[in-house]
């Protein structure tokens, strides 16, 4: 249930949420499942002051999500390989989307949006002390029906009329890369009765994303990959460990957020991700 108020106004929203899961285990090392769930996010008001008073007077509608998923979790080759698979579909009604109207960030409702995709994950014992992991995801997500309600056209490439505002139907969802890939490897080796040494690394890759519902390419990020490496000496008896690590090892320059502020300022905001970052760690467990 959700409740919100403006000066002189109040509203209450309620809905039923839940999830049903069916599981089938034909053998000890394989589990198949299917699920359907329903989620609810309360409505609200945009309590900020800007030029269009109707945006303040009219509440943002609640958001409802219906999600479906099927998948499998398996253990193979005497538990040396774990393989998980999943496919999903999510249907949004009145998805709440943050957009800029002039100089103010407000919530608006996309009447409909949908997401579907699939994921695979593998974890394998590749050799004594060596573990590898790989995960691949595919995602499609778009606003099926979305009018932003602006009183002015944002860009000539975006359909516009006075009733709808800018028509963003068919645009890709914010921060929704089509492909993602993560891979890692870790090696652990005893070097004495109590001490062990470990070394590892991982990489995360994603394809292009947009940071706004308008899908402006200059307010997005092209495909990029981030690499991290680490090593550690640890003592199980004393609980001491000494490590060194480096994140974004190749100093990739990448953007993680962006937005467009129009009147009265008229500029773009871009946020960049963490540059190359390294250090050492000393810790003790008790």
C-alpha atoms as a PDB file:
ATOM      1  CA  UNK A   1       0.000   0.000   0.000  1.00  0.00           C
ATOM      2  CA  UNK A   2       1.179   3.531  -0.694  1.00  0.00           C
ATOM      3  CA  UNK A   3       0.042   6.937   0.552  1.00  0.00           C
ATOM      4  CA  UNK A   4       1.152  10.410  -0.488  1.00  0.00           C
ATOM      5  CA  UNK A   5      -0.070  13.967  -0.204  1.00  0.00           C
ATOM      6  CA  UNK A   6       0.343  17.441  -1.612  1.00  0.00           C
ATOM      7  CA  UNK A   7      -0.843  20.591   0.104  1.00  0.00           C
ATOM      8  CA  UNK A   8      -4.615  20.258   0.205  1.00  0.00           C
ATOM      9  CA  UNK A   9      -4.571  16.845  -1.505  1.00  0.00           C
ATOM     10  CA  UNK A  10      -4.063  13.228  -0.506  1.00  0.00           C
ATOM     11  CA  UNK A  11      -4.284   9.857  -2.213  1.00  0.00           C
ATOM     12  CA  UNK A  12      -3.997   6.234  -1.241  1.00  0.00           C
ATOM     13  CA  UNK A  13      -2.969   3.398  -3.565  1.00  0.00           C
ATOM     14  CA  UNK A  14      -3.093  -0.308  -2.785  1.00  0.00           C
ATOM     15  CA  UNK A  15      -2.557  -3.522  -4.705  1.00  0.00           C
ATOM     16  CA  UNK A  16      -1.780  -7.187  -4.168  1.00  0.00           C
ATOM     17  CA  UNK A  17       1.777  -8.424  -4.813  1.00  0.00           C
ATOM     18  CA  UNK A  18       3.230 -11.904  -4.696  1.00  0.00           C
ATOM     19  CA  UNK A  19       5.098 -14.656  -6.506  1.00  0.00           C
ATOM     20  CA  UNK A  20       4.309 -18.279  -7.337  1.00  0.00           C
ATOM     21  CA  UNK A  21       7.141 -20.735  -8.110  1.00  0.00           C
ATOM     22  CA  UNK A  22       6.859 -24.296  -9.411  1.00  0.00           C
ATOM     23  CA  UNK A  23       9.948 -26.535  -9.118  1.00  0.00           C
ATOM     24  CA  UNK A  24      10.705 -29.950 -10.575  1.00  0.00           C
ATOM     25  CA  UNK A  25      13.772 -32.031  -9.637  1.00  0.00           C
ATOM     26  CA  UNK A  26      13.939 -35.102 -11.914  1.00  0.00           C
ATOM     27  CA  UNK A  27      17.392 -36.069 -10.594  1.00  0.00           C
ATOM     28  CA  UNK A  28      19.492 -34.966  -7.638  1.00  0.00           C
ATOM     29  CA  UNK A  29      21.702 -32.604  -9.658  1.00  0.00           C
ATOM     30  CA  UNK A  30      19.077 -30.858 -11.791  1.00  0.00           C
ATOM     31  CA  UNK A  31      16.304 -28.446 -10.810  1.00  0.00           C
ATOM     32  CA  UNK A  32      13.814 -26.895 -13.255  1.00  0.00           C
ATOM     33  CA  UNK A  33      11.526 -24.043 -12.269  1.00  0.00           C
ATOM     34  CA  UNK A  34       8.890 -21.627 -13.539  1.00  0.00           C
ATOM     35  CA  UNK A  35       7.596 -18.557 -11.757  1.00  0.00           C
ATOM     36  CA  UNK A  36       5.148 -15.709 -12.146  1.00  0.00           C
ATOM     37  CA  UNK A  37       5.177 -12.640  -9.938  1.00  0.00           C
ATOM     38  CA  UNK A  38       3.391  -9.335  -9.537  1.00  0.00           C
ATOM     39  CA  UNK A  39       4.951  -6.234  -7.976  1.00  0.00           C
ATOM     40  CA  UNK A  40       3.567  -2.818  -7.078  1.00  0.00           C
ATOM     41  CA  UNK A  41       5.163   0.612  -6.596  1.00  0.00           C
ATOM     42  CA  UNK A  42       3.032   3.297  -5.003  1.00  0.00           C
ATOM     43  CA  UNK A  43       1.985   6.449  -6.841  1.00  0.00           C
ATOM     44  CA  UNK A  44       3.275   9.838  -5.735  1.00  0.00           C
ATOM     45  CA  UNK A  45       3.399  13.547  -6.483  1.00  0.00           C
ATOM     46  CA  UNK A  46       6.167  15.580  -8.034  1.00  0.00           C
ATOM     47  CA  UNK A  47       6.733  18.026  -5.236  1.00  0.00           C
ATOM     48  CA  UNK A  48       9.094  20.359  -7.074  1.00  0.00           C
ATOM     49  CA  UNK A  49       8.386  23.848  -8.382  1.00  0.00           C
ATOM     50  CA  UNK A  50       8.649  24.487 -12.104  1.00  0.00           C
ATOM     51  CA  UNK A  51       6.676  26.057 -14.945  1.00  0.00           C
ATOM     52  CA  UNK A  52       3.851  23.535 -15.437  1.00  0.00           C
ATOM     53  CA  UNK A  53       1.595  23.502 -12.393  1.00  0.00           C
ATOM     54  CA  UNK A  54      -0.439  20.558 -13.726  1.00  0.00           C
ATOM     55  CA  UNK A  55       2.598  18.320 -13.259  1.00  0.00           C
ATOM     56  CA  UNK A  56       2.445  19.151  -9.544  1.00  0.00           C
ATOM     57  CA  UNK A  57      -1.329  18.930  -9.196  1.00  0.00           C
ATOM     58  CA  UNK A  58      -1.661  15.560 -10.955  1.00  0.00           C
ATOM     59  CA  UNK A  59      -0.194  12.567  -9.105  1.00  0.00           C
ATOM     60  CA  UNK A  60       2.093  10.010 -10.723  1.00  0.00           C
ATOM     61  CA  UNK A  61       0.202   6.746 -11.184  1.00  0.00           C
ATOM     62  CA  UNK A  62       1.357   3.590  -9.379  1.00  0.00           C
ATOM     63  CA  UNK A  63       3.590   1.176 -11.287  1.00  0.00           C
ATOM     64  CA  UNK A  64       2.653  -2.494 -11.671  1.00  0.00           C
ATOM     65  CA  UNK A  65       5.032  -5.221 -12.853  1.00  0.00           C
ATOM     66  CA  UNK A  66       4.096  -8.719 -13.959  1.00  0.00           C
ATOM     67  CA  UNK A  67       7.150 -10.957 -14.378  1.00  0.00           C
ATOM     68  CA  UNK A  68       7.544 -14.464 -15.772  1.00  0.00           C
ATOM     69  CA  UNK A  69      10.654 -16.663 -15.588  1.00  0.00           C
ATOM     70  CA  UNK A  70      11.660 -20.211 -16.469  1.00  0.00           C
ATOM     71  CA  UNK A  71      15.034 -21.767 -15.840  1.00  0.00           C
ATOM     72  CA  UNK A  72      17.221 -24.629 -14.737  1.00  0.00           C
ATOM     73  CA  UNK A  73      20.004 -25.140 -12.170  1.00  0.00           C
ATOM     74  CA  UNK A  74      22.330 -28.087 -12.704  1.00  0.00           C
ATOM     75  CA  UNK A  75      25.460 -29.711 -11.248  1.00  0.00           C
ATOM     76  CA  UNK A  76      27.485 -31.785 -13.752  1.00  0.00           C
ATOM     77  CA  UNK A  77      30.624 -33.948 -13.908  1.00  0.00           C
ATOM     78  CA  UNK A  78      30.724 -34.846 -10.210  1.00  0.00           C
ATOM     79  CA  UNK A  79      29.931 -31.246  -9.262  1.00  0.00           C
ATOM     80  CA  UNK A  80      32.913 -29.869 -11.170  1.00  0.00           C
ATOM     81  CA  UNK A  81      30.598 -27.768 -13.345  1.00  0.00           C
ATOM     82  CA  UNK A  82      27.590 -25.730 -12.247  1.00  0.00           C
ATOM     83  CA  UNK A  83      25.372 -24.525 -15.102  1.00  0.00           C
ATOM     84  CA  UNK A  84      22.332 -22.286 -14.636  1.00  0.00           C
ATOM     85  CA  UNK A  85      19.924 -21.078 -17.323  1.00  0.00           C
ATOM     86  CA  UNK A  86      17.049 -18.590 -17.190  1.00  0.00           C
ATOM     87  CA  UNK A  87      14.675 -16.842 -19.593  1.00  0.00           C
ATOM     88  CA  UNK A  88      12.351 -14.058 -18.497  1.00  0.00           C
ATOM     89  CA  UNK A  89       9.640 -11.641 -19.606  1.00  0.00           C
ATOM     90  CA  UNK A  90       8.492  -8.577 -17.655  1.00  0.00           C
ATOM     91  CA  UNK A  91       5.472  -6.442 -18.476  1.00  0.00           C
ATOM     92  CA  UNK A  92       5.122  -2.984 -16.892  1.00  0.00           C
ATOM     93  CA  UNK A  93       1.940  -0.962 -16.609  1.00  0.00           C
ATOM     94  CA  UNK A  94       2.478   2.758 -15.888  1.00  0.00           C
ATOM     95  CA  UNK A  95       6.229   2.381 -15.453  1.00  0.00           C
ATOM     96  CA  UNK A  96       7.552   5.341 -13.423  1.00  0.00           C
ATOM     97  CA  UNK A  97      10.332   7.063 -15.371  1.00  0.00           C
ATOM     98  CA  UNK A  98      12.499   9.986 -14.265  1.00  0.00           C
ATOM     99  CA  UNK A  99      12.718  12.722 -16.917  1.00  0.00           C
ATOM    100  CA  UNK A 100      13.723  16.381 -17.016  1.00  0.00           C
ATOM    101  CA  UNK A 101      11.041  18.961 -17.736  1.00  0.00           C
ATOM    102  CA  UNK A 102      12.915  22.224 -18.252  1.00  0.00           C
ATOM    103  CA  UNK A 103      15.277  22.367 -15.244  1.00  0.00           C
ATOM    104  CA  UNK A 104      13.391  19.974 -12.955  1.00  0.00           C
ATOM    105  CA  UNK A 105      13.695  16.206 -12.632  1.00  0.00           C
ATOM    106  CA  UNK A 106      10.210  14.720 -12.382  1.00  0.00           C
ATOM    107  CA  UNK A 107       8.540  11.330 -12.445  1.00  0.00           C
ATOM    108  CA  UNK A 108       6.326  10.471 -15.400  1.00  0.00           C
ATOM    109  CA  UNK A 109       4.433   7.336 -16.367  1.00  0.00           C
ATOM    110  CA  UNK A 110       5.247   5.272 -19.430  1.00  0.00           C
ATOM    111  CA  UNK A 111       1.856   3.671 -20.070  1.00  0.00           C
ATOM    112  CA  UNK A 112       3.545   0.417 -21.052  1.00  0.00           C
ATOM    113  CA  UNK A 113       7.018  -1.098 -21.143  1.00  0.00           C
ATOM    114  CA  UNK A 114       8.371  -4.601 -21.554  1.00  0.00           C
ATOM    115  CA  UNK A 115      11.623  -6.448 -20.957  1.00  0.00           C
ATOM    116  CA  UNK A 116      12.602  -9.921 -22.077  1.00  0.00           C
ATOM    117  CA  UNK A 117      15.851 -11.822 -22.245  1.00  0.00           C
ATOM    118  CA  UNK A 118      17.928 -14.776 -21.127  1.00  0.00           C
ATOM    119  CA  UNK A 119      20.946 -15.520 -18.930  1.00  0.00           C
ATOM    120  CA  UNK A 120      23.412 -18.383 -18.680  1.00  0.00           C
ATOM    121  CA  UNK A 121      25.935 -18.881 -15.875  1.00  0.00           C
ATOM    122  CA  UNK A 122      28.770 -21.403 -15.571  1.00  0.00           C
ATOM    123  CA  UNK A 123      31.098 -22.112 -12.650  1.00  0.00           C
ATOM    124  CA  UNK A 124      33.785 -24.728 -13.231  1.00  0.00           C
ATOM    125  CA  UNK A 125      36.621 -26.329 -11.280  1.00  0.00           C
ATOM    126  CA  UNK A 126      39.155 -26.144 -14.106  1.00  0.00           C
ATOM    127  CA  UNK A 127      42.096 -27.642 -12.208  1.00  0.00           C
ATOM    128  CA  UNK A 128      43.247 -28.125  -8.637  1.00  0.00           C
ATOM    129  CA  UNK A 129      42.841 -24.721  -6.982  1.00  0.00           C
ATOM    130  CA  UNK A 130      41.623 -23.036 -10.189  1.00  0.00           C
ATOM    131  CA  UNK A 131      37.986 -21.905 -10.520  1.00  0.00           C
ATOM    132  CA  UNK A 132      36.485 -20.147 -13.539  1.00  0.00           C
ATOM    133  CA  UNK A 133      33.163 -18.367 -13.902  1.00  0.00           C
ATOM    134  CA  UNK A 134      31.298 -17.101 -16.963  1.00  0.00           C
ATOM    135  CA  UNK A 135      27.924 -15.345 -17.225  1.00  0.00           C
ATOM    136  CA  UNK A 136      26.274 -14.071 -20.412  1.00  0.00           C
ATOM    137  CA  UNK A 137      23.063 -12.051 -20.541  1.00  0.00           C
ATOM    138  CA  UNK A 138      20.835 -10.928 -23.395  1.00  0.00           C
ATOM    139  CA  UNK A 139      18.249  -8.205 -22.834  1.00  0.00           C
ATOM    140  CA  UNK A 140      15.606  -6.395 -24.856  1.00  0.00           C
ATOM    141  CA  UNK A 141      13.658  -3.614 -23.184  1.00  0.00           C
ATOM    142  CA  UNK A 142      11.553  -0.833 -24.662  1.00  0.00           C
ATOM    143  CA  UNK A 143       8.836   1.664 -23.837  1.00  0.00           C
ATOM    144  CA  UNK A 144       5.784   0.268 -25.597  1.00  0.00           C
ATOM    145  CA  UNK A 145       3.670   3.389 -25.022  1.00  0.00           C
ATOM    146  CA  UNK A 146       5.207   6.550 -23.555  1.00  0.00           C
ATOM    147  CA  UNK A 147       4.235  10.207 -23.950  1.00  0.00           C
ATOM    148  CA  UNK A 148       6.312  12.501 -21.744  1.00  0.00           C
ATOM    149  CA  UNK A 149       3.733  15.310 -21.478  1.00  0.00           C
ATOM    150  CA  UNK A 150       6.170  18.101 -22.308  1.00  0.00           C
ATOM    151  CA  UNK A 151       4.722  21.285 -23.766  1.00  0.00           C
ATOM    152  CA  UNK A 152       7.591  21.730 -26.250  1.00  0.00           C
ATOM    153  CA  UNK A 153       9.392  19.506 -28.728  1.00  0.00           C
ATOM    154  CA  UNK A 154      12.695  18.221 -27.350  1.00  0.00           C
ATOM    155  CA  UNK A 155      14.290  17.169 -30.631  1.00  0.00           C
ATOM    156  CA  UNK A 156      13.175  17.172 -34.294  1.00  0.00           C
ATOM    157  CA  UNK A 157      13.840  13.425 -34.513  1.00  0.00           C
ATOM    158  CA  UNK A 158      11.217  12.678 -31.814  1.00  0.00           C
ATOM    159  CA  UNK A 159       7.506  12.725 -32.781  1.00  0.00           C
ATOM    160  CA  UNK A 160       5.602  15.489 -30.944  1.00  0.00           C
ATOM    161  CA  UNK A 161       2.058  16.740 -30.536  1.00  0.00           C
ATOM    162  CA  UNK A 162       0.366  18.938 -27.944  1.00  0.00           C
ATOM    163  CA  UNK A 163      -1.723  16.128 -26.439  1.00  0.00           C
ATOM    164  CA  UNK A 164       1.101  13.611 -26.048  1.00  0.00           C
ATOM    165  CA  UNK A 165       4.195  15.759 -25.809  1.00  0.00           C
ATOM    166  CA  UNK A 166       7.267  13.899 -27.040  1.00  0.00           C
ATOM    167  CA  UNK A 167       6.348  10.369 -28.109  1.00  0.00           C
ATOM    168  CA  UNK A 168       9.059   8.027 -26.810  1.00  0.00           C
ATOM    169  CA  UNK A 169       7.233   4.809 -27.684  1.00  0.00           C
ATOM    170  CA  UNK A 170       9.639   2.198 -29.032  1.00  0.00           C
ATOM    171  CA  UNK A 171      12.713   3.731 -27.382  1.00  0.00           C
ATOM    172  CA  UNK A 172      15.072   1.496 -25.435  1.00  0.00           C
ATOM    173  CA  UNK A 173      14.845   1.467 -21.645  1.00  0.00           C
ATOM    174  CA  UNK A 174      17.417   3.421 -19.673  1.00  0.00           C
ATOM    175  CA  UNK A 175      20.600   1.532 -18.676  1.00  0.00           C
ATOM    176  CA  UNK A 176      19.543  -1.641 -20.491  1.00  0.00           C
ATOM    177  CA  UNK A 177      22.481  -3.073 -22.488  1.00  0.00           C
ATOM    178  CA  UNK A 178      21.575  -5.670 -25.101  1.00  0.00           C
ATOM    179  CA  UNK A 179      24.501  -7.921 -24.112  1.00  0.00           C
ATOM    180  CA  UNK A 180      26.463  -8.312 -20.900  1.00  0.00           C
ATOM    181  CA  UNK A 181      29.325 -10.673 -20.151  1.00  0.00           C
ATOM    182  CA  UNK A 182      31.241 -11.285 -16.951  1.00  0.00           C
ATOM    183  CA  UNK A 183      34.118 -13.714 -16.594  1.00  0.00           C
ATOM    184  CA  UNK A 184      36.519 -14.421 -13.753  1.00  0.00           C
ATOM    185  CA  UNK A 185      39.233 -16.839 -12.717  1.00  0.00           C
ATOM    186  CA  UNK A 186      40.741 -17.452  -9.269  1.00  0.00           C
ATOM    187  CA  UNK A 187      43.672 -19.639  -8.319  1.00  0.00           C
ATOM    188  CA  UNK A 188      44.407 -20.668  -4.723  1.00  0.00           C
ATOM    189  CA  UNK A 189      47.622 -22.478  -3.725  1.00  0.00           C
ATOM    190  CA  UNK A 190      48.871 -23.501  -0.244  1.00  0.00           C
ATOM    191  CA  UNK A 191      52.456 -22.289   0.334  1.00  0.00           C
ATOM    192  CA  UNK A 192      52.948 -23.622   3.869  1.00  0.00           C
ATOM    193  CA  UNK A 193      51.020 -25.402   6.590  1.00  0.00           C
ATOM    194  CA  UNK A 194      48.992 -22.284   7.455  1.00  0.00           C
ATOM    195  CA  UNK A 195      49.555 -19.836   4.611  1.00  0.00           C
ATOM    196  CA  UNK A 196      47.962 -19.812   1.181  1.00  0.00           C
ATOM    197  CA  UNK A 197      48.339 -17.544  -1.824  1.00  0.00           C
ATOM    198  CA  UNK A 198      45.563 -16.581  -4.211  1.00  0.00           C
ATOM    199  CA  UNK A 199      45.468 -14.614  -7.435  1.00  0.00           C
ATOM    200  CA  UNK A 200      42.544 -13.742  -9.644  1.00  0.00           C
ATOM    201  CA  UNK A 201      40.949 -11.414 -12.115  1.00  0.00           C
ATOM    202  CA  UNK A 202      37.633 -10.582 -13.679  1.00  0.00           C
ATOM    203  CA  UNK A 203      36.218  -8.660 -16.608  1.00  0.00           C
ATOM    204  CA  UNK A 204      32.793  -7.162 -17.207  1.00  0.00           C
ATOM    205  CA  UNK A 205      31.643  -6.202 -20.712  1.00  0.00           C
ATOM    206  CA  UNK A 206      28.452  -4.491 -21.800  1.00  0.00           C
ATOM    207  CA  UNK A 207      27.077  -3.121 -25.054  1.00  0.00           C
ATOM    208  CA  UNK A 208      25.691   0.370 -25.653  1.00  0.00           C
ATOM    209  CA  UNK A 209      23.266   1.961 -23.171  1.00  0.00           C
ATOM    210  CA  UNK A 210      21.206   5.152 -23.056  1.00  0.00           C
ATOM    211  CA  UNK A 211      20.902   7.261 -19.905  1.00  0.00           C
ATOM    212  CA  UNK A 212      17.635   8.987 -20.822  1.00  0.00           C
ATOM    213  CA  UNK A 213      14.338   7.828 -22.256  1.00  0.00           C
ATOM    214  CA  UNK A 214      14.983  10.095 -25.261  1.00  0.00           C
ATOM    215  CA  UNK A 215      17.819   7.736 -26.359  1.00  0.00           C
ATOM    216  CA  UNK A 216      20.224  10.535 -27.275  1.00  0.00           C
ATOM    217  CA  UNK A 217      23.544   8.947 -28.251  1.00  0.00           C
ATOM    218  CA  UNK A 218      25.574  11.741 -26.637  1.00  0.00           C
ATOM    219  CA  UNK A 219      23.786  10.939 -23.354  1.00  0.00           C
ATOM    220  CA  UNK A 220      24.722   7.286 -23.368  1.00  0.00           C
ATOM    221  CA  UNK A 221      27.775   5.049 -23.478  1.00  0.00           C
ATOM    222  CA  UNK A 222      29.191   2.796 -26.152  1.00  0.00           C
ATOM    223  CA  UNK A 223      30.262  -0.781 -25.458  1.00  0.00           C
ATOM    224  CA  UNK A 224      33.140  -1.098 -22.992  1.00  0.00           C
ATOM    225  CA  UNK A 225      34.913  -3.603 -20.733  1.00  0.00           C
ATOM    226  CA  UNK A 226      36.399  -3.209 -17.250  1.00  0.00           C
ATOM    227  CA  UNK A 227      39.211  -5.422 -15.949  1.00  0.00           C
ATOM    228  CA  UNK A 228      40.105  -6.019 -12.274  1.00  0.00           C
ATOM    229  CA  UNK A 229      42.965  -8.025 -10.743  1.00  0.00           C
ATOM    230  CA  UNK A 230      43.832  -9.089  -7.188  1.00  0.00           C
ATOM    231  CA  UNK A 231      46.248 -11.172  -5.155  1.00  0.00           C
ATOM    232  CA  UNK A 232      46.355 -12.124  -1.471  1.00  0.00           C
ATOM    233  CA  UNK A 233      48.362 -14.007   1.143  1.00  0.00           C
ATOM    234  CA  UNK A 234      46.242 -15.340   4.009  1.00  0.00           C
ATOM    235  CA  UNK A 235      46.804 -17.326   7.172  1.00  0.00           C
ATOM    236  CA  UNK A 236      43.933 -19.507   8.347  1.00  0.00           C
ATOM    237  CA  UNK A 237      45.371 -19.938  11.859  1.00  0.00           C
ATOM    238  CA  UNK A 238      45.932 -16.267  12.704  1.00  0.00           C
ATOM    239  CA  UNK A 239      43.213 -14.784  10.491  1.00  0.00           C
ATOM    240  CA  UNK A 240      45.712 -12.381   8.918  1.00  0.00           C
ATOM    241  CA  UNK A 241      45.628 -11.520   5.233  1.00  0.00           C
ATOM    242  CA  UNK A 242      47.666  -9.174   3.028  1.00  0.00           C
ATOM    243  CA  UNK A 243      46.370  -8.252  -0.383  1.00  0.00           C
ATOM    244  CA  UNK A 244      46.898  -5.977  -3.356  1.00  0.00           C
ATOM    245  CA  UNK A 245      44.343  -5.104  -6.018  1.00  0.00           C
ATOM    246  CA  UNK A 246      43.682  -2.912  -9.014  1.00  0.00           C
ATOM    247  CA  UNK A 247      40.269  -1.929 -10.411  1.00  0.00           C
ATOM    248  CA  UNK A 248      39.725  -0.689 -13.962  1.00  0.00           C
ATOM    249  CA  UNK A 249      43.252  -1.904 -14.627  1.00  0.00           C
ATOM    250  CA  UNK A 250      43.483  -0.437 -18.140  1.00  0.00           C
ATOM    251  CA  UNK A 251      42.098   2.957 -17.087  1.00  0.00           C
ATOM    252  CA  UNK A 252      38.999   2.766 -19.289  1.00  0.00           C
ATOM    253  CA  UNK A 253      37.120   6.071 -19.559  1.00  0.00           C
ATOM    254  CA  UNK A 254      33.386   5.381 -19.423  1.00  0.00           C
ATOM    255  CA  UNK A 255      30.176   7.194 -18.544  1.00  0.00           C
ATOM    256  CA  UNK A 256      27.662   5.875 -16.010  1.00  0.00           C
ATOM    257  CA  UNK A 257      24.962   8.563 -16.114  1.00  0.00           C
ATOM    258  CA  UNK A 258      23.829  11.555 -18.113  1.00  0.00           C
ATOM    259  CA  UNK A 259      20.917  13.918 -18.493  1.00  0.00           C
ATOM    260  CA  UNK A 260      19.815  17.014 -20.353  1.00  0.00           C
ATOM    261  CA  UNK A 261      18.754  20.166 -18.522  1.00  0.00           C
ATOM    262  CA  UNK A 262      16.915  22.588 -20.736  1.00  0.00           C
ATOM    263  CA  UNK A 263      15.560  26.064 -19.867  1.00  0.00           C
ATOM    264  CA  UNK A 264      16.784  28.145 -18.188  1.00  0.00           C
ATOM    265  CA  UNK A 265      20.276  26.578 -18.151  1.00  0.00           C
ATOM    266  CA  UNK A 266      20.474  24.565 -21.353  1.00  0.00           C
ATOM    267  CA  UNK A 267      23.287  22.080 -20.744  1.00  0.00           C
ATOM    268  CA  UNK A 268      24.047  18.379 -20.453  1.00  0.00           C
ATOM    269  CA  UNK A 269      25.169  16.569 -17.314  1.00  0.00           C
ATOM    270  CA  UNK A 270      27.572  13.628 -17.636  1.00  0.00           C
ATOM    271  CA  UNK A 271      28.890  11.407 -14.823  1.00  0.00           C
ATOM    272  CA  UNK A 272      31.977   9.269 -15.423  1.00  0.00           C
ATOM    273  CA  UNK A 273      32.820   5.978 -13.791  1.00  0.00           C
ATOM    274  CA  UNK A 274      35.734   5.289 -11.475  1.00  0.00           C
ATOM    275  CA  UNK A 275      39.131   5.542 -13.199  1.00  0.00           C
ATOM    276  CA  UNK A 276      42.035   3.172 -12.535  1.00  0.00           C
ATOM    277  CA  UNK A 277      42.084   2.576  -8.790  1.00  0.00           C
ATOM    278  CA  UNK A 278      44.554   0.405  -6.858  1.00  0.00           C
ATOM    279  CA  UNK A 279      45.662  -0.272  -3.331  1.00  0.00           C
ATOM    280  CA  UNK A 280      46.684  -2.745  -0.644  1.00  0.00           C
ATOM    281  CA  UNK A 281      44.622  -4.303   2.116  1.00  0.00           C
ATOM    282  CA  UNK A 282      45.606  -5.727   5.498  1.00  0.00           C
ATOM    283  CA  UNK A 283      42.899  -7.491   7.480  1.00  0.00           C
ATOM    284  CA  UNK A 284      42.413  -9.818  10.428  1.00  0.00           C
ATOM    285  CA  UNK A 285      39.438 -11.964  11.324  1.00  0.00           C
ATOM    286  CA  UNK A 286      38.594 -12.888  14.924  1.00  0.00           C
END
